[in-house]
């Protein structure tokens, strides 16, 4: 999910689709490509630029425009691509044991981070300010914060005793959320200092596999999904975090722990904590989920997010069963959330419309459907230089990449960005 968690991507055996949520009840299909089986599809937020990896070519990263339906450029790696991250300055491609950082304007490779432990499922996090977080140990939950803009390492954090399973950076670029392979504890860290600011307990009895961690846009909430039927939403006390940071600047670490305990523990807990083993004390001091979602079955892969539609706050859950579930969320009381809507994404919406029953006016509002991505077009100067039709110069690539990075004003982009006719004369 992207564009403030209101844009949903579906990739599968028939290609990929992009859906936009205008409201909790209104889901519109923006773009569909039915060329071939798709492994990864990512869109640069609020633009026309898309990065795609197909199952037939898992080592090739392709860029295309969703309005021009045109291939722009590609980049081939030595091993299969696990995930792709984008912002307006950088492209990060993650393979099994390396991270590649590119300039998004021309796809020039700026830096390669090698000798990493195996990165399962492309575990990394990336922000709009080019902060990159990734694991650096397969024995414990240690990670590195890297400045992809200036190409230098910043902070290393030992977040957990067990290897990492999930990572998330807040939209404000200041907070980092982590979970280990055990999945019982979720921790919040300060990105700049590496200080642990908050700790949540998801469960005690059993270990689980955390599938995703997602901050809300305001960073007040953190969604955690796993291989169980329960989704947890944790409430982050931002005022408490700021106080913790201030105390850290003026006191020793021992004093910070003392002050922190005054805020997180009640009087009774404080009184008995000194007589209990450390693991038991940790359980008492860790906050629990503010709200929960109960799915119909366990084992579903899903992405969750807290989203605002005007004055209404909802939780979105995009599941591997092909549905987008929407739940009501009470920001004051929390508790168990009730499902208010379910959108079926298993079949492209265009196929669900009976065109015979459509009015002429409605036919003009079809989503963008592409059955074939066109090859790259070259400039007149390139033709004069004798360059092949399917080969682009660096200036051609930069032109198309920058054009695709223009902000999208509407989900129906051709209305606001009409195609430019190219004359063959």
Foldseek 3Di string as FASTA:
>chain_A
DDQLPQWDWDFAAQGIWIWGDLDPPDIATFETERAGHWDDWDDAHQFQKIWTAHPVQQQKIWIDGRAQLATQDIDGDPAGWLYWDDAQAWIWTDGQFKIWIAGLLQRHTDDMGGPAHGFPSRAWEAENQGWIKDARDQQACKIWTARSVVGGTADIERDTRAHWQHWYAANVRFKIWTAHQQRQKIWIAGSHPRHTQAMAGADDDGGWHWQYWDARNVRQWIWIDTQFQKIFIAGDDVVSSVVLVVVVVPDPPVVSVVVNCVVQADPVLVVCVVVDDPVVNVVRRHHYGQAMEGHPGGRWRWDWYWHDNDPFIWIWICTPVQKIWIWGADPVRHYYTDTDDIDGRPDPVVVVDDVVPDDPVVVVPHHHYHHHRHAQAEDPVCVVVVHDGRDYDSVSSSVNSVNRRPGQPDSNRCVVVPDDDDDPD
